[in-house]
Amino acid sequence: MTSNNISYNRIARRVFLGGGTAFTLIAAAKTGLAQQPTPVPQTPRFKGPLVWLDLDQAELDAVYDQSVWAANSQQILKRYSTNSNDVRTRLGVPQRYTYGPTLIEKLDVYRTQRHNAPINIYIHGGAWRSGLAKDYAFSAELFVQAGVHFVVLDFAWVQDVGGSLLSVAKQARRAVAWVYHNAQRFGGDANRIYVSGHSSGGHLAGVLLTTDWLRGFNLPTDIIKGGLCCGGIFDLKPVRLSSRREYINFTDAVEQALSPQRHLDQLNAPVIVAYGALESPEFIRQSREFAAAVQADGKSVQVLVGEGYNHFEIIETLGCPYGMLGREVLKQMHLTMGSFF
């Protein structure tokens, strides 16, 4: 599970040479389309100085931009929203609570009918700079029907807090603390809190799982009983070197404090690490190395690889009891398929 397992040689071909399109057109011209002009060959791209591993700056920027690896990303993001709307037509409008002092610090609770039920807190993605809780309710029905309260967080976009990723993480932590103290308000069990996150939300889920809750919040060290980190980032060093530094105020302190892989001594719950086989090589490397580090530290980790799924597609399996993520998260919460019937 080292970085040597990931080959970046295909990046220049896919991102910068168009994946062989020119060769396809030339072949077509020679087999009955000769009346069409022969395409002009694209200028070869010359590799620049290495910035991270064997990647130059353009390649590093590309492997931290998932849209490069998923041509259907906008279609899927729209589907998140429409499917979330459909879920609300069946479950009803969620209860909305304020968990912190700023206007954005609110959360949606999709309540189950069971009393004193477990809670799953979902942290959405969006590169830390986009996304709203209302568009990430598409998994709520699975949890509600299985007897779980599904909580979706709203939190600040990093550009709205001066590029401070520490502020974003602080809000996510504050939300977990609020849920613990207020679980009874919506019939939840404060002793059965789980977290799930995807993409930049997968990073934040990792941050929550490796938080010193006793020191920072005077809460039990095992406040979180389990977590899913899907398509996440676990060491910020290469991210800091990428184009994401244009909107995030990275410092040595931020890199150290918010790299979950460096704080495994604070991990007190089993974690599921998941990624799509069609994600960017760097996201795959991050997930593999995080999982390997957790295992080496003697902690409980399960790795799930979604064959045929890209970064945006894989999280949709969380909303299905027979999908890869839905099935395994229910198992982690000690629930069964029978909960649906």
C-alpha atoms as a PDB file:
ATOM      1  CA  MET A   1       0.000   0.000   0.000  1.00  0.00           C
ATOM      2  CA  THR A   2       2.799   2.433  -0.792  1.00  0.00           C
ATOM      3  CA  SER A   3       2.855   5.234  -3.314  1.00  0.00           C
ATOM      4  CA  ASN A   4       4.838   2.985  -5.644  1.00  0.00           C
ATOM      5  CA  ASN A   5       1.663   0.999  -6.268  1.00  0.00           C
ATOM      6  CA  ILE A   6       0.130   3.922  -8.164  1.00  0.00           C
ATOM      7  CA  SER A   7       1.269   4.669 -11.700  1.00  0.00           C
ATOM      8  CA  TYR A   8       0.922   8.232 -12.904  1.00  0.00           C
ATOM      9  CA  ASN A   9       2.141   7.593 -16.434  1.00  0.00           C
ATOM     10  CA  ARG A  10      -1.428   7.612 -17.785  1.00  0.00           C
ATOM     11  CA  ILE A  11      -2.132  11.108 -16.486  1.00  0.00           C
ATOM     12  CA  ALA A  12      -0.366  12.978 -19.273  1.00  0.00           C
ATOM     13  CA  ARG A  13      -2.031  10.760 -21.894  1.00  0.00           C
ATOM     14  CA  ARG A  14      -5.569  11.148 -20.487  1.00  0.00           C
ATOM     15  CA  VAL A  15      -5.489  14.743 -19.371  1.00  0.00           C
ATOM     16  CA  PHE A  16      -3.248  16.342 -21.931  1.00  0.00           C
ATOM     17  CA  LEU A  17      -3.386  14.192 -25.066  1.00  0.00           C
ATOM     18  CA  GLY A  18      -7.118  13.556 -25.233  1.00  0.00           C
ATOM     19  CA  GLY A  19      -7.033   9.817 -24.575  1.00  0.00           C
ATOM     20  CA  GLY A  20      -6.186   8.830 -28.177  1.00  0.00           C
ATOM     21  CA  THR A  21      -9.038  10.685 -29.891  1.00  0.00           C
ATOM     22  CA  ALA A  22      -6.805  11.940 -32.706  1.00  0.00           C
ATOM     23  CA  PHE A  23      -5.762   8.397 -33.630  1.00  0.00           C
ATOM     24  CA  THR A  24      -9.406   7.282 -33.814  1.00  0.00           C
ATOM     25  CA  LEU A  25     -10.300  10.096 -36.187  1.00  0.00           C
ATOM     26  CA  ILE A  26      -7.329   9.419 -38.435  1.00  0.00           C
ATOM     27  CA  ALA A  27      -8.309   5.757 -38.702  1.00  0.00           C
ATOM     28  CA  ALA A  28     -11.848   6.754 -39.649  1.00  0.00           C
ATOM     29  CA  ALA A  29     -10.567   9.064 -42.359  1.00  0.00           C
ATOM     30  CA  LYS A  30      -8.692   6.192 -43.971  1.00  0.00           C
ATOM     31  CA  THR A  31     -11.776   3.954 -44.019  1.00  0.00           C
ATOM     32  CA  GLY A  32     -14.363   5.907 -45.936  1.00  0.00           C
ATOM     33  CA  LEU A  33     -14.257   9.425 -44.467  1.00  0.00           C
ATOM     34  CA  ALA A  34     -11.396  10.701 -46.587  1.00  0.00           C
ATOM     35  CA  GLN A  35     -13.448  13.752 -47.527  1.00  0.00           C
ATOM     36  CA  GLN A  36     -13.017  15.002 -43.957  1.00  0.00           C
ATOM     37  CA  PRO A  37      -9.871  17.003 -43.185  1.00  0.00           C
ATOM     38  CA  THR A  38      -7.197  15.107 -41.328  1.00  0.00           C
ATOM     39  CA  PRO A  39      -7.001  16.403 -37.750  1.00  0.00           C
ATOM     40  CA  VAL A  40      -3.892  18.314 -36.808  1.00  0.00           C
ATOM     41  CA  PRO A  41      -1.836  16.284 -34.308  1.00  0.00           C
ATOM     42  CA  GLN A  42      -1.756  17.804 -30.877  1.00  0.00           C
ATOM     43  CA  THR A  43       1.507  19.276 -29.686  1.00  0.00           C
ATOM     44  CA  PRO A  44       3.250  16.923 -27.266  1.00  0.00           C
ATOM     45  CA  ARG A  45       3.291  18.120 -23.694  1.00  0.00           C
ATOM     46  CA  PHE A  46       6.680  18.422 -22.035  1.00  0.00           C
ATOM     47  CA  LYS A  47       6.918  17.467 -18.385  1.00  0.00           C
ATOM     48  CA  GLY A  48       7.932  20.194 -15.976  1.00  0.00           C
ATOM     49  CA  PRO A  49       9.890  19.990 -12.721  1.00  0.00           C
ATOM     50  CA  LEU A  50       8.625  17.381 -10.259  1.00  0.00           C
ATOM     51  CA  VAL A  51       6.480  18.757  -7.438  1.00  0.00           C
ATOM     52  CA  TRP A  52       5.128  15.624  -5.718  1.00  0.00           C
ATOM     53  CA  LEU A  53       6.290  12.035  -6.302  1.00  0.00           C
ATOM     54  CA  ASP A  54       6.682  11.783 -10.088  1.00  0.00           C
ATOM     55  CA  LEU A  55       4.143  14.549 -10.851  1.00  0.00           C
ATOM     56  CA  ASP A  56       4.840  17.998 -12.193  1.00  0.00           C
ATOM     57  CA  GLN A  57       2.581  20.924 -11.270  1.00  0.00           C
ATOM     58  CA  ALA A  58       0.007  20.430 -14.019  1.00  0.00           C
ATOM     59  CA  GLU A  59      -0.247  16.709 -13.269  1.00  0.00           C
ATOM     60  CA  LEU A  60      -0.557  17.297  -9.527  1.00  0.00           C
ATOM     61  CA  ASP A  61      -3.324  19.838 -10.094  1.00  0.00           C
ATOM     62  CA  ALA A  62      -5.110  17.314 -12.315  1.00  0.00           C
ATOM     63  CA  VAL A  63      -5.016  14.460  -9.785  1.00  0.00           C
ATOM     64  CA  TYR A  64      -6.575  16.713  -7.146  1.00  0.00           C
ATOM     65  CA  ASP A  65      -9.402  17.732  -9.484  1.00  0.00           C
ATOM     66  CA  GLN A  66     -11.855  14.835  -9.583  1.00  0.00           C
ATOM     67  CA  SER A  67     -13.841  16.361 -12.445  1.00  0.00           C
ATOM     68  CA  VAL A  68     -10.884  15.539 -14.690  1.00  0.00           C
ATOM     69  CA  TRP A  69     -11.501  11.858 -13.953  1.00  0.00           C
ATOM     70  CA  ALA A  70     -15.305  11.908 -14.158  1.00  0.00           C
ATOM     71  CA  ALA A  71     -16.816  13.427 -17.276  1.00  0.00           C
ATOM     72  CA  ASN A  72     -20.308  12.913 -15.808  1.00  0.00           C
ATOM     73  CA  SER A  73     -19.628  14.771 -12.552  1.00  0.00           C
ATOM     74  CA  GLN A  74     -22.133  17.571 -13.155  1.00  0.00           C
ATOM     75  CA  GLN A  75     -24.837  15.072 -14.093  1.00  0.00           C
ATOM     76  CA  ILE A  76     -24.252  13.159 -10.861  1.00  0.00           C
ATOM     77  CA  LEU A  77     -24.202  16.280  -8.694  1.00  0.00           C
ATOM     78  CA  LYS A  78     -27.571  17.221 -10.141  1.00  0.00           C
ATOM     79  CA  ARG A  79     -28.791  13.715  -9.376  1.00  0.00           C
ATOM     80  CA  TYR A  80     -27.748  14.125  -5.739  1.00  0.00           C
ATOM     81  CA  SER A  81     -30.100  17.104  -5.570  1.00  0.00           C
ATOM     82  CA  THR A  82     -33.073  15.594  -7.389  1.00  0.00           C
ATOM     83  CA  ASN A  83     -32.821  12.339  -5.454  1.00  0.00           C
ATOM     84  CA  SER A  84     -32.650  14.301  -2.212  1.00  0.00           C
ATOM     85  CA  ASN A  85     -35.830  16.129  -3.180  1.00  0.00           C
ATOM     86  CA  ASP A  86     -37.490  12.786  -3.897  1.00  0.00           C
ATOM     87  CA  VAL A  87     -36.464  11.471  -0.480  1.00  0.00           C
ATOM     88  CA  ARG A  88     -38.061  14.497   1.209  1.00  0.00           C
ATOM     89  CA  THR A  89     -41.343  13.810  -0.568  1.00  0.00           C
ATOM     90  CA  ARG A  90     -41.371  10.438   1.190  1.00  0.00           C
ATOM     91  CA  LEU A  91     -39.815  11.272   4.552  1.00  0.00           C
ATOM     92  CA  GLY A  92     -41.029  14.831   4.948  1.00  0.00           C
ATOM     93  CA  VAL A  93     -39.094  17.978   5.774  1.00  0.00           C
ATOM     94  CA  PRO A  94     -36.245  17.344   8.228  1.00  0.00           C
ATOM     95  CA  GLN A  95     -35.991  19.007  11.600  1.00  0.00           C
ATOM     96  CA  ARG A  96     -33.516  21.860  11.391  1.00  0.00           C
ATOM     97  CA  TYR A  97     -31.326  22.837  14.330  1.00  0.00           C
ATOM     98  CA  THR A  98     -28.656  25.444  14.979  1.00  0.00           C
ATOM     99  CA  TYR A  99     -25.443  23.992  16.372  1.00  0.00           C
ATOM    100  CA  GLY A 100     -23.148  27.021  16.370  1.00  0.00           C
ATOM    101  CA  PRO A 101     -22.990  30.829  16.437  1.00  0.00           C
ATOM    102  CA  THR A 102     -22.704  31.597  12.704  1.00  0.00           C
ATOM    103  CA  LEU A 103     -25.630  31.577  10.285  1.00  0.00           C
ATOM    104  CA  ILE A 104     -24.403  28.571   8.317  1.00  0.00           C
ATOM    105  CA  GLU A 105     -23.995  26.320  11.370  1.00  0.00           C
ATOM    106  CA  LYS A 106     -27.184  24.323  11.073  1.00  0.00           C
ATOM    107  CA  LEU A 107     -28.002  20.670  10.575  1.00  0.00           C
ATOM    108  CA  ASP A 108     -30.887  18.639   9.190  1.00  0.00           C
ATOM    109  CA  VAL A 109     -32.222  15.665  11.127  1.00  0.00           C
ATOM    110  CA  TYR A 110     -34.170  13.017   9.231  1.00  0.00           C
ATOM    111  CA  ARG A 111     -35.828  11.202  12.106  1.00  0.00           C
ATOM    112  CA  THR A 112     -36.590   7.536  12.367  1.00  0.00           C
ATOM    113  CA  GLN A 113     -39.662   6.326  14.242  1.00  0.00           C
ATOM    114  CA  ARG A 114     -37.609   4.310  16.691  1.00  0.00           C
ATOM    115  CA  HIS A 115     -36.960   5.729  20.140  1.00  0.00           C
ATOM    116  CA  ASN A 116     -33.430   6.175  21.437  1.00  0.00           C
ATOM    117  CA  ALA A 117     -32.095   5.324  18.005  1.00  0.00           C
ATOM    118  CA  PRO A 118     -28.494   5.447  16.772  1.00  0.00           C
ATOM    119  CA  ILE A 119     -27.325   8.468  14.795  1.00  0.00           C
ATOM    120  CA  ASN A 120     -25.309   8.773  11.594  1.00  0.00           C
ATOM    121  CA  ILE A 121     -23.835  12.214  10.893  1.00  0.00           C
ATOM    122  CA  TYR A 122     -23.082  12.839   7.215  1.00  0.00           C
ATOM    123  CA  ILE A 123     -20.450  15.345   6.041  1.00  0.00           C
ATOM    124  CA  HIS A 124     -20.812  16.238   2.373  1.00  0.00           C
ATOM    125  CA  GLY A 125     -18.065  16.918  -0.135  1.00  0.00           C
ATOM    126  CA  GLY A 126     -17.446  19.810  -2.487  1.00  0.00           C
ATOM    127  CA  ALA A 127     -13.694  20.504  -2.212  1.00  0.00           C
ATOM    128  CA  TRP A 128     -14.448  22.338   1.074  1.00  0.00           C
ATOM    129  CA  ARG A 129     -15.871  25.196  -1.008  1.00  0.00           C
ATOM    130  CA  SER A 130     -19.366  24.146  -2.125  1.00  0.00           C
ATOM    131  CA  GLY A 131     -22.376  22.036  -1.203  1.00  0.00           C
ATOM    132  CA  LEU A 132     -25.490  22.337   0.947  1.00  0.00           C
ATOM    133  CA  ALA A 133     -27.039  19.843   3.336  1.00  0.00           C
ATOM    134  CA  LYS A 134     -30.339  19.812   1.443  1.00  0.00           C
ATOM    135  CA  ASP A 135     -28.648  18.282  -1.608  1.00  0.00           C
ATOM    136  CA  TYR A 136     -27.158  15.367   0.336  1.00  0.00           C
ATOM    137  CA  ALA A 137     -30.268  13.740   1.746  1.00  0.00           C
ATOM    138  CA  PHE A 138     -30.346  11.005  -0.893  1.00  0.00           C
ATOM    139  CA  SER A 139     -29.079   8.425   1.622  1.00  0.00           C
ATOM    140  CA  ALA A 140     -31.487   9.446   4.393  1.00  0.00           C
ATOM    141  CA  GLU A 141     -34.181   6.919   3.510  1.00  0.00           C
ATOM    142  CA  LEU A 142     -31.875   3.959   4.008  1.00  0.00           C
ATOM    143  CA  PHE A 143     -30.966   5.076   7.514  1.00  0.00           C
ATOM    144  CA  VAL A 144     -34.445   6.167   8.567  1.00  0.00           C
ATOM    145  CA  GLN A 145     -35.978   2.878   7.442  1.00  0.00           C
ATOM    146  CA  ALA A 146     -33.220   0.967   9.241  1.00  0.00           C
ATOM    147  CA  GLY A 147     -34.009   2.742  12.512  1.00  0.00           C
ATOM    148  CA  VAL A 148     -31.303   5.428  12.408  1.00  0.00           C
ATOM    149  CA  HIS A 149     -31.509   9.207  12.670  1.00  0.00           C
ATOM    150  CA  PHE A 150     -29.684  10.678   9.650  1.00  0.00           C
ATOM    151  CA  VAL A 151     -28.048  14.039  10.312  1.00  0.00           C
ATOM    152  CA  VAL A 152     -26.638  16.173   7.473  1.00  0.00           C
ATOM    153  CA  LEU A 153     -24.418  19.144   8.278  1.00  0.00           C
ATOM    154  CA  ASP A 154     -24.242  22.591   6.789  1.00  0.00           C
ATOM    155  CA  PHE A 155     -20.910  24.290   7.426  1.00  0.00           C
ATOM    156  CA  ALA A 156     -18.923  27.200   6.036  1.00  0.00           C
ATOM    157  CA  TRP A 157     -17.337  27.098   2.628  1.00  0.00           C
ATOM    158  CA  VAL A 158     -13.635  27.643   3.155  1.00  0.00           C
ATOM    159  CA  GLN A 159     -13.472  30.746   0.957  1.00  0.00           C
ATOM    160  CA  ASP A 160     -16.091  32.382   3.180  1.00  0.00           C
ATOM    161  CA  VAL A 161     -13.892  32.046   6.271  1.00  0.00           C
ATOM    162  CA  GLY A 162     -10.730  33.522   4.818  1.00  0.00           C
ATOM    163  CA  GLY A 163      -9.467  30.220   3.466  1.00  0.00           C
ATOM    164  CA  SER A 164      -9.284  28.760   6.968  1.00  0.00           C
ATOM    165  CA  LEU A 165      -9.695  25.002   6.881  1.00  0.00           C
ATOM    166  CA  LEU A 166      -9.270  25.049  10.656  1.00  0.00           C
ATOM    167  CA  SER A 167     -12.516  27.032  10.912  1.00  0.00           C
ATOM    168  CA  VAL A 168     -14.359  24.480   8.771  1.00  0.00           C
ATOM    169  CA  ALA A 169     -13.058  21.592  10.887  1.00  0.00           C
ATOM    170  CA  LYS A 170     -13.988  23.463  14.061  1.00  0.00           C
ATOM    171  CA  GLN A 171     -17.585  23.733  12.867  1.00  0.00           C
ATOM    172  CA  ALA A 172     -17.746  20.005  12.046  1.00  0.00           C
ATOM    173  CA  ARG A 173     -16.435  19.175  15.511  1.00  0.00           C
ATOM    174  CA  ARG A 174     -18.885  21.580  17.104  1.00  0.00           C
ATOM    175  CA  ALA A 175     -21.737  19.850  15.268  1.00  0.00           C
ATOM    176  CA  VAL A 176     -20.743  16.443  16.657  1.00  0.00           C
ATOM    177  CA  ALA A 177     -20.534  17.893  20.164  1.00  0.00           C
ATOM    178  CA  TRP A 178     -23.979  19.479  19.720  1.00  0.00           C
ATOM    179  CA  VAL A 179     -25.480  16.164  18.580  1.00  0.00           C
ATOM    180  CA  TYR A 180     -24.008  14.424  21.609  1.00  0.00           C
ATOM    181  CA  HIS A 181     -25.468  16.979  24.021  1.00  0.00           C
ATOM    182  CA  ASN A 182     -28.833  17.284  22.254  1.00  0.00           C
ATOM    183  CA  ALA A 183     -29.539  13.787  20.949  1.00  0.00           C
ATOM    184  CA  GLN A 184     -32.547  13.358  23.215  1.00  0.00           C
ATOM    185  CA  ARG A 185     -34.246  16.353  21.581  1.00  0.00           C
ATOM    186  CA  PHE A 186     -34.901  14.219  18.504  1.00  0.00           C
ATOM    187  CA  GLY A 187     -34.961  10.778  20.108  1.00  0.00           C
ATOM    188  CA  GLY A 188     -31.345   9.891  19.474  1.00  0.00           C
ATOM    189  CA  ASP A 189     -28.890   7.828  21.486  1.00  0.00           C
ATOM    190  CA  ALA A 190     -25.822   9.935  22.305  1.00  0.00           C
ATOM    191  CA  ASN A 191     -23.866   6.767  22.945  1.00  0.00           C
ATOM    192  CA  ARG A 192     -24.344   5.513  19.378  1.00  0.00           C
ATOM    193  CA  ILE A 193     -23.016   8.268  17.119  1.00  0.00           C
ATOM    194  CA  TYR A 194     -21.407   7.361  13.792  1.00  0.00           C
ATOM    195  CA  VAL A 195     -19.987   9.585  11.062  1.00  0.00           C
ATOM    196  CA  SER A 196     -19.902   9.246   7.281  1.00  0.00           C
ATOM    197  CA  GLY A 197     -18.201  11.554   4.826  1.00  0.00           C
ATOM    198  CA  HIS A 198     -17.401  11.752   1.141  1.00  0.00           C
ATOM    199  CA  SER A 199     -14.618  13.557  -0.730  1.00  0.00           C
ATOM    200  CA  SER A 200     -13.632  16.650   1.288  1.00  0.00           C
ATOM    201  CA  GLY A 201     -16.309  15.412   3.689  1.00  0.00           C
ATOM    202  CA  GLY A 202     -14.362  12.146   3.829  1.00  0.00           C
ATOM    203  CA  HIS A 203     -11.393  14.202   4.951  1.00  0.00           C
ATOM    204  CA  LEU A 204     -13.497  15.920   7.611  1.00  0.00           C
ATOM    205  CA  ALA A 205     -14.855  12.548   8.766  1.00  0.00           C
ATOM    206  CA  GLY A 206     -11.233  11.474   9.189  1.00  0.00           C
ATOM    207  CA  VAL A 207     -10.560  14.631  11.198  1.00  0.00           C
ATOM    208  CA  LEU A 208     -13.545  13.888  13.445  1.00  0.00           C
ATOM    209  CA  LEU A 209     -12.423  10.293  13.960  1.00  0.00           C
ATOM    210  CA  THR A 210      -8.949  11.455  15.019  1.00  0.00           C
ATOM    211  CA  THR A 211     -10.031  14.334  17.263  1.00  0.00           C
ATOM    212  CA  ASP A 212      -8.985  14.478  20.921  1.00  0.00           C
ATOM    213  CA  TRP A 213     -12.545  14.832  22.218  1.00  0.00           C
ATOM    214  CA  LEU A 214     -11.605  14.693  25.880  1.00  0.00           C
ATOM    215  CA  ARG A 215      -9.035  17.456  25.677  1.00  0.00           C
ATOM    216  CA  GLY A 216     -10.854  19.662  23.207  1.00  0.00           C
ATOM    217  CA  PHE A 217     -14.487  19.250  24.306  1.00  0.00           C
ATOM    218  CA  ASN A 218     -14.457  17.359  27.613  1.00  0.00           C
ATOM    219  CA  LEU A 219     -16.338  14.548  25.871  1.00  0.00           C
ATOM    220  CA  PRO A 220     -15.730  10.797  25.870  1.00  0.00           C
ATOM    221  CA  THR A 221     -12.749   9.749  23.792  1.00  0.00           C
ATOM    222  CA  ASP A 222     -14.986   7.227  22.026  1.00  0.00           C
ATOM    223  CA  ILE A 223     -17.866   9.630  21.327  1.00  0.00           C
ATOM    224  CA  ILE A 224     -17.814   8.365  17.708  1.00  0.00           C
ATOM    225  CA  LYS A 225     -18.486   4.648  17.483  1.00  0.00           C
ATOM    226  CA  GLY A 226     -17.556   4.121  13.840  1.00  0.00           C
ATOM    227  CA  GLY A 227     -16.971   5.954  10.603  1.00  0.00           C
ATOM    228  CA  LEU A 228     -16.982   5.856   6.814  1.00  0.00           C
ATOM    229  CA  CYS A 229     -14.355   7.848   4.916  1.00  0.00           C
ATOM    230  CA  CYS A 230     -15.217   7.624   1.219  1.00  0.00           C
ATOM    231  CA  GLY A 231     -12.976   9.150  -1.441  1.00  0.00           C
ATOM    232  CA  GLY A 232     -11.210  11.178   1.212  1.00  0.00           C
ATOM    233  CA  ILE A 233      -7.890  12.915   1.780  1.00  0.00           C
ATOM    234  CA  PHE A 234      -5.795  11.991   4.802  1.00  0.00           C
ATOM    235  CA  ASP A 235      -2.509  13.853   4.426  1.00  0.00           C
ATOM    236  CA  LEU A 236      -2.626  17.473   3.332  1.00  0.00           C
ATOM    237  CA  LYS A 237       0.985  17.814   2.197  1.00  0.00           C
ATOM    238  CA  PRO A 238       0.388  17.132  -1.513  1.00  0.00           C
ATOM    239  CA  VAL A 239      -2.932  19.000  -1.431  1.00  0.00           C
ATOM    240  CA  ARG A 240      -1.034  22.023  -0.139  1.00  0.00           C
ATOM    241  CA  LEU A 241       1.220  21.827  -3.195  1.00  0.00           C
ATOM    242  CA  SER A 242      -1.700  21.612  -5.634  1.00  0.00           C
ATOM    243  CA  SER A 243      -3.886  24.355  -7.088  1.00  0.00           C
ATOM    244  CA  ARG A 244      -6.174  24.030  -4.058  1.00  0.00           C
ATOM    245  CA  ARG A 245      -3.730  26.322  -2.267  1.00  0.00           C
ATOM    246  CA  GLU A 246      -5.274  29.131  -4.308  1.00  0.00           C
ATOM    247  CA  TYR A 247      -8.375  29.126  -2.081  1.00  0.00           C
ATOM    248  CA  ILE A 248      -7.128  27.433   1.098  1.00  0.00           C
ATOM    249  CA  ASN A 249      -4.736  29.196   3.460  1.00  0.00           C
ATOM    250  CA  PHE A 250      -2.345  26.317   4.075  1.00  0.00           C
ATOM    251  CA  THR A 251       0.324  26.607   6.773  1.00  0.00           C
ATOM    252  CA  ASP A 252       2.534  24.074   8.494  1.00  0.00           C
ATOM    253  CA  ALA A 253       0.135  24.151  11.454  1.00  0.00           C
ATOM    254  CA  VAL A 254      -2.909  23.480   9.265  1.00  0.00           C
ATOM    255  CA  GLU A 255      -1.178  20.661   7.418  1.00  0.00           C
ATOM    256  CA  GLN A 256      -0.184  18.999  10.667  1.00  0.00           C
ATOM    257  CA  ALA A 257      -3.423  19.543  12.600  1.00  0.00           C
ATOM    258  CA  LEU A 258      -5.777  18.428   9.837  1.00  0.00           C
ATOM    259  CA  SER A 259      -3.951  15.418   8.406  1.00  0.00           C
ATOM    260  CA  PRO A 260      -5.834  12.483   9.982  1.00  0.00           C
ATOM    261  CA  GLN A 261      -3.085  10.019   9.106  1.00  0.00           C
ATOM    262  CA  ARG A 262      -0.778  11.838  11.539  1.00  0.00           C
ATOM    263  CA  HIS A 263      -3.165  11.492  14.487  1.00  0.00           C
ATOM    264  CA  LEU A 264      -4.012   7.814  14.582  1.00  0.00           C
ATOM    265  CA  ASP A 265      -3.287   7.743  18.307  1.00  0.00           C
ATOM    266  CA  GLN A 266      -6.665   9.482  18.676  1.00  0.00           C
ATOM    267  CA  LEU A 267      -8.567   6.962  16.532  1.00  0.00           C
ATOM    268  CA  ASN A 268     -10.880   5.051  18.855  1.00  0.00           C
ATOM    269  CA  ALA A 269     -13.436   3.573  16.445  1.00  0.00           C
ATOM    270  CA  PRO A 270     -13.499   1.164  13.509  1.00  0.00           C
ATOM    271  CA  VAL A 271     -13.265   2.907  10.170  1.00  0.00           C
ATOM    272  CA  ILE A 272     -14.372   1.976   6.658  1.00  0.00           C
ATOM    273  CA  VAL A 273     -12.129   3.428   3.952  1.00  0.00           C
ATOM    274  CA  ALA A 274     -13.756   3.360   0.518  1.00  0.00           C
ATOM    275  CA  TYR A 275     -12.907   4.629  -2.927  1.00  0.00           C
ATOM    276  CA  GLY A 276     -13.923   4.096  -6.527  1.00  0.00           C
ATOM    277  CA  ALA A 277     -11.550   2.249  -8.832  1.00  0.00           C
ATOM    278  CA  LEU A 278     -12.020   5.049 -11.391  1.00  0.00           C
ATOM    279  CA  GLU A 279     -10.992   7.860  -9.053  1.00  0.00           C
ATOM    280  CA  SER A 280      -7.833   9.888  -9.530  1.00  0.00           C
ATOM    281  CA  PRO A 281      -4.615   7.976  -8.728  1.00  0.00           C
ATOM    282  CA  GLU A 282      -3.757  10.363  -5.921  1.00  0.00           C
ATOM    283  CA  PHE A 283      -7.081   9.873  -4.128  1.00  0.00           C
ATOM    284  CA  ILE A 284      -6.614   6.119  -4.447  1.00  0.00           C
ATOM    285  CA  ARG A 285      -3.087   6.364  -3.030  1.00  0.00           C
ATOM    286  CA  GLN A 286      -4.298   8.511  -0.129  1.00  0.00           C
ATOM    287  CA  SER A 287      -7.003   5.990   0.796  1.00  0.00           C
ATOM    288  CA  ARG A 288      -4.702   2.993   0.502  1.00  0.00           C
ATOM    289  CA  GLU A 289      -1.950   4.534   2.583  1.00  0.00           C
ATOM    290  CA  PHE A 290      -4.347   5.762   5.252  1.00  0.00           C
ATOM    291  CA  ALA A 291      -5.881   2.302   5.559  1.00  0.00           C
ATOM    292  CA  ALA A 292      -2.430   0.708   5.717  1.00  0.00           C
ATOM    293  CA  ALA A 293      -1.380   3.135   8.450  1.00  0.00           C
ATOM    294  CA  VAL A 294      -4.522   2.400  10.475  1.00  0.00           C
ATOM    295  CA  GLN A 295      -3.890  -1.321  10.170  1.00  0.00           C
ATOM    296  CA  ALA A 296      -0.216  -0.926  11.097  1.00  0.00           C
ATOM    297  CA  ASP A 297      -1.309   0.986  14.180  1.00  0.00           C
ATOM    298  CA  GLY A 298      -3.384  -1.987  15.269  1.00  0.00           C
ATOM    299  CA  LYS A 299      -6.729  -0.278  14.718  1.00  0.00           C
ATOM    300  CA  SER A 300      -9.819  -1.688  12.978  1.00  0.00           C
ATOM    301  CA  VAL A 301     -10.103  -0.792   9.291  1.00  0.00           C
ATOM    302  CA  GLN A 302     -12.062  -2.166   6.347  1.00  0.00           C
ATOM    303  CA  VAL A 303     -11.199  -1.224   2.766  1.00  0.00           C
ATOM    304  CA  LEU A 304     -13.904  -1.138   0.091  1.00  0.00           C
ATOM    305  CA  VAL A 305     -13.076  -0.658  -3.589  1.00  0.00           C
ATOM    306  CA  GLY A 306     -15.933   0.198  -5.919  1.00  0.00           C
ATOM    307  CA  GLU A 307     -15.018  -1.441  -9.214  1.00  0.00           C
ATOM    308  CA  GLY A 308     -16.451   0.541 -12.114  1.00  0.00           C
ATOM    309  CA  TYR A 309     -17.301   3.571  -9.953  1.00  0.00           C
ATOM    310  CA  ASN A 310     -15.796   7.023 -10.216  1.00  0.00           C
ATOM    311  CA  HIS A 311     -15.433   9.473  -7.340  1.00  0.00           C
ATOM    312  CA  PHE A 312     -18.931  10.901  -7.646  1.00  0.00           C
ATOM    313  CA  GLU A 313     -20.772   7.649  -8.320  1.00  0.00           C
ATOM    314  CA  ILE A 314     -19.552   5.529  -5.413  1.00  0.00           C
ATOM    315  CA  ILE A 315     -21.244   7.538  -2.633  1.00  0.00           C
ATOM    316  CA  GLU A 316     -24.644   6.861  -4.207  1.00  0.00           C
ATOM    317  CA  THR A 317     -24.294   3.245  -3.070  1.00  0.00           C
ATOM    318  CA  LEU A 318     -24.652   4.524   0.503  1.00  0.00           C
ATOM    319  CA  GLY A 319     -28.351   5.086  -0.154  1.00  0.00           C
ATOM    320  CA  CYS A 320     -29.118   1.454  -0.976  1.00  0.00           C
ATOM    321  CA  PRO A 321     -29.240  -1.377   1.594  1.00  0.00           C
ATOM    322  CA  TYR A 322     -27.850  -3.694  -1.074  1.00  0.00           C
ATOM    323  CA  GLY A 323     -25.277  -1.199  -2.338  1.00  0.00           C
ATOM    324  CA  MET A 324     -21.660  -1.610  -1.336  1.00  0.00           C
ATOM    325  CA  LEU A 325     -21.531   1.279   1.142  1.00  0.00           C
ATOM    326  CA  GLY A 326     -25.097   0.977   2.435  1.00  0.00           C
ATOM    327  CA  ARG A 327     -24.651  -2.677   3.287  1.00  0.00           C
ATOM    328  CA  GLU A 328     -21.335  -2.226   5.091  1.00  0.00           C
ATOM    329  CA  VAL A 329     -22.289   0.900   7.039  1.00  0.00           C
ATOM    330  CA  LEU A 330     -25.393  -0.873   8.341  1.00  0.00           C
ATOM    331  CA  LYS A 331     -23.156  -3.759   9.435  1.00  0.00           C
ATOM    332  CA  GLN A 332     -20.842  -1.318  11.161  1.00  0.00           C
ATOM    333  CA  MET A 333     -23.827   0.059  13.057  1.00  0.00           C
ATOM    334  CA  HIS A 334     -24.866  -3.496  14.016  1.00  0.00           C
ATOM    335  CA  LEU A 335     -27.995  -3.329  11.891  1.00  0.00           C
ATOM    336  CA  THR A 336     -29.250  -5.881   9.383  1.00  0.00           C
ATOM    337  CA  MET A 337     -31.215  -5.962   6.165  1.00  0.00           C
ATOM    338  CA  GLY A 338     -34.121  -7.176   8.260  1.00  0.00           C
ATOM    339  CA  SER A 339     -34.440  -3.640   9.587  1.00  0.00           C
ATOM    340  CA  PHE A 340     -36.194  -2.782   6.325  1.00  0.00           C
ATOM    341  CA  PHE A 341     -38.974  -5.333   6.597  1.00  0.00           C
END
